Protein backbone atom coordinates (compact mmCIF):
# COMPACT_ATOMS: atom_id res chain seq x y z
CA LEU A 1 228.82 21.78 -36.16
CA PHE A 2 232.28 21.84 -34.53
CA MET A 3 230.83 20.74 -31.17
CA PHE A 4 229.01 17.84 -32.84
CA ILE A 5 232.21 16.67 -34.56
CA TYR A 6 234.09 16.89 -31.26
CA VAL A 7 231.43 14.86 -29.43
CA VAL A 8 231.35 12.19 -32.14
CA THR A 9 235.16 12.01 -32.25
CA HIS A 10 235.36 11.89 -28.46
CA PHE A 11 232.77 9.08 -28.42
CA TYR A 12 234.83 6.96 -30.82
CA LYS A 13 238.02 7.58 -28.84
CA LEU A 14 236.19 6.54 -25.69
CA LEU A 15 234.79 3.45 -27.41
CA TYR A 16 238.27 2.56 -28.71
CA PHE A 17 239.72 2.98 -25.20
CA CYS A 18 237.05 0.66 -23.75
CA CYS A 19 237.79 -2.00 -26.38
CA LEU A 20 241.52 -1.70 -25.73
CA GLN A 21 240.98 -2.11 -21.98
CA THR A 22 238.83 -5.18 -22.66
CA TYR A 23 241.69 -6.79 -24.57
CA PHE A 24 244.12 -6.07 -21.73
CA ARG A 25 241.68 -7.60 -19.24
CA LEU A 26 241.32 -10.68 -21.43
CA VAL A 27 245.11 -11.07 -21.58
CA GLU A 28 245.33 -10.77 -17.79
CA MET A 29 242.52 -13.30 -17.32
CA CYS A 30 244.09 -15.82 -19.69
CA ASN A 31 247.48 -15.52 -17.99
CA THR A 32 245.81 -16.01 -14.59
CA LEU A 33 244.07 -19.16 -15.86
CA GLY A 34 247.35 -20.46 -17.31
CA LEU A 35 246.20 -19.98 -20.91
CA HIS A 36 249.40 -18.26 -21.99
CA MET A 37 249.19 -19.12 -25.70
CA GLN A 38 245.69 -17.63 -25.82
CA ALA A 39 246.94 -14.51 -24.04
CA ALA A 40 249.64 -14.11 -26.70
CA VAL A 41 247.05 -14.39 -29.47
CA ILE A 42 244.87 -11.71 -27.82
CA CYS A 43 247.88 -9.37 -27.65
CA GLN A 44 247.66 -9.14 -31.44
CA CYS A 45 244.29 -7.40 -31.13
CA THR A 46 245.73 -4.31 -29.45
CA GLU A 47 246.80 -1.34 -31.53
CA PRO A 48 249.78 -1.23 -31.62
CA ILE A 49 250.41 -4.91 -31.00
CA ASP A 50 251.64 -5.51 -27.46
CA HIS A 51 254.72 -7.55 -28.37
CA ASN A 52 256.28 -7.39 -24.89
CA THR A 53 253.32 -9.04 -23.19
CA ALA A 54 252.90 -11.51 -26.06
CA PHE A 55 256.55 -12.60 -25.89
CA LYS A 56 256.36 -12.97 -22.10
CA SER A 57 253.19 -15.06 -22.42
CA LEU A 58 254.80 -17.28 -25.06
CA GLN A 59 257.91 -17.78 -22.93
CA GLN A 60 255.69 -18.66 -19.96
CA ALA A 61 253.75 -21.17 -22.06
CA PHE A 62 256.94 -22.82 -23.31
CA SER A 63 258.55 -22.91 -19.85
CA GLN A 64 255.48 -24.57 -18.34
CA GLY A 65 255.16 -27.00 -21.23
CA CYS A 66 251.57 -25.98 -21.92
CA VAL A 67 252.07 -25.20 -25.58
CA GLU A 68 248.90 -25.64 -27.58
CA SER A 69 248.59 -25.40 -31.30
CA CYS A 70 247.49 -21.80 -31.82
CA HIS A 71 249.38 -21.26 -35.06
CA ASP A 72 246.17 -21.03 -37.06
CA TYR A 73 245.11 -18.00 -35.00
CA LEU A 74 248.31 -15.96 -35.29
CA TRP A 75 248.65 -13.30 -37.96
CA ASP A 76 251.60 -11.31 -36.62
CA ILE A 77 254.83 -12.45 -38.27
CA SER A 78 256.97 -11.44 -35.27
CA LEU A 79 255.04 -13.75 -32.95
CA LEU A 80 255.25 -16.62 -35.42
CA GLU A 81 259.00 -16.10 -35.80
CA PHE A 82 259.39 -16.09 -32.01
CA ILE A 83 257.44 -19.35 -31.74
CA ILE A 84 259.67 -20.92 -34.41
CA LYS A 85 262.72 -19.83 -32.40
CA LEU A 86 261.31 -21.35 -29.19
CA TYR A 87 260.46 -24.63 -30.96
CA THR A 88 263.98 -24.75 -32.41
CA MET A 89 265.55 -24.17 -28.99
CA GLN A 90 263.48 -27.01 -27.51
CA GLY A 91 264.15 -29.37 -30.42
CA GLN A 92 260.45 -29.80 -31.29
CA HIS A 93 260.93 -30.19 -35.03
CA GLU A 94 257.39 -31.34 -35.90
CA LYS A 95 255.77 -28.33 -34.24
CA ARG A 96 258.44 -26.06 -35.73
CA ALA A 97 257.51 -27.37 -39.19
CA GLU A 98 253.83 -26.58 -38.49
CA ALA A 99 254.74 -23.03 -37.49
CA VAL A 100 256.91 -22.60 -40.59
CA GLN A 101 254.00 -23.82 -42.71
CA THR A 102 251.74 -21.24 -41.06
CA ILE A 103 254.18 -18.37 -41.59
CA SER A 104 254.51 -19.38 -45.26
CA GLN A 105 250.81 -18.87 -46.03
CA SER A 106 250.25 -16.32 -48.76
CA GLU A 107 247.67 -14.23 -46.87
CA LEU A 108 250.26 -13.44 -44.16
CA ASN A 109 252.81 -12.08 -46.63
CA CYS A 110 253.78 -8.58 -45.46
CA CYS A 111 253.93 -7.39 -49.09
CA ASN A 112 250.19 -7.89 -49.52
CA VAL A 113 247.88 -4.92 -49.77
CA PRO A 114 246.46 -3.81 -46.40
CA GLU A 115 242.97 -5.09 -47.28
CA VAL A 116 244.26 -8.67 -47.64
CA LEU A 117 246.19 -8.48 -44.37
CA SER A 118 243.17 -7.00 -42.60
CA GLN A 119 240.86 -9.69 -43.93
CA ALA A 120 243.31 -12.43 -42.86
CA SER A 121 243.50 -10.98 -39.36
CA GLN A 122 239.70 -10.68 -39.12
CA VAL A 123 239.18 -14.29 -40.18
CA ARG A 124 241.80 -15.59 -37.75
CA ARG A 125 240.50 -13.35 -34.95
CA GLY A 126 236.96 -14.63 -35.44
CA LYS A 127 238.07 -18.28 -35.41
CA PHE A 128 240.18 -17.67 -32.31
CA PHE A 129 237.47 -15.98 -30.25
CA ARG A 130 234.98 -18.75 -31.12
CA MET A 131 237.54 -21.33 -29.97
CA LEU A 132 238.30 -19.35 -26.79
CA ALA A 133 234.62 -19.02 -25.93
CA ASN A 134 234.12 -22.77 -26.33
CA GLN A 135 237.22 -23.46 -24.25
CA LEU A 136 236.23 -21.11 -21.42
CA LEU A 137 232.62 -22.30 -21.36
CA SER A 138 233.80 -25.89 -21.11
CA LEU A 139 235.76 -24.97 -17.96
CA TRP A 140 232.47 -24.31 -16.17
């Protein structure tokens, strides 16, 4: 019985590691293709969230001027706050207002129960990966 539990547990750890490596590869691919906003959104999928890479990707997107509207796909408050700061520094008040509206949505409130936050992240993650698949397939 103990050996079976170890094998099952080891399998899930291995599966989790493979999924985590897939996210890191996706981030690297998006940064290589110049899709820095998308790379920042994918950084939210890692556990724990890879804030360093996400912030670098966002700074790269803002410095190159290739900022796309990905607010609807973000569920991490720290990333949304960082985007608001970058919009404020660049004087883009309309986009800043959009980001503030996104961060004000009730399902992203950090005081919510974990189930609500998890459901919000799953919905946004699903919408994002459908959008990313369409975007990457249109490149070919």
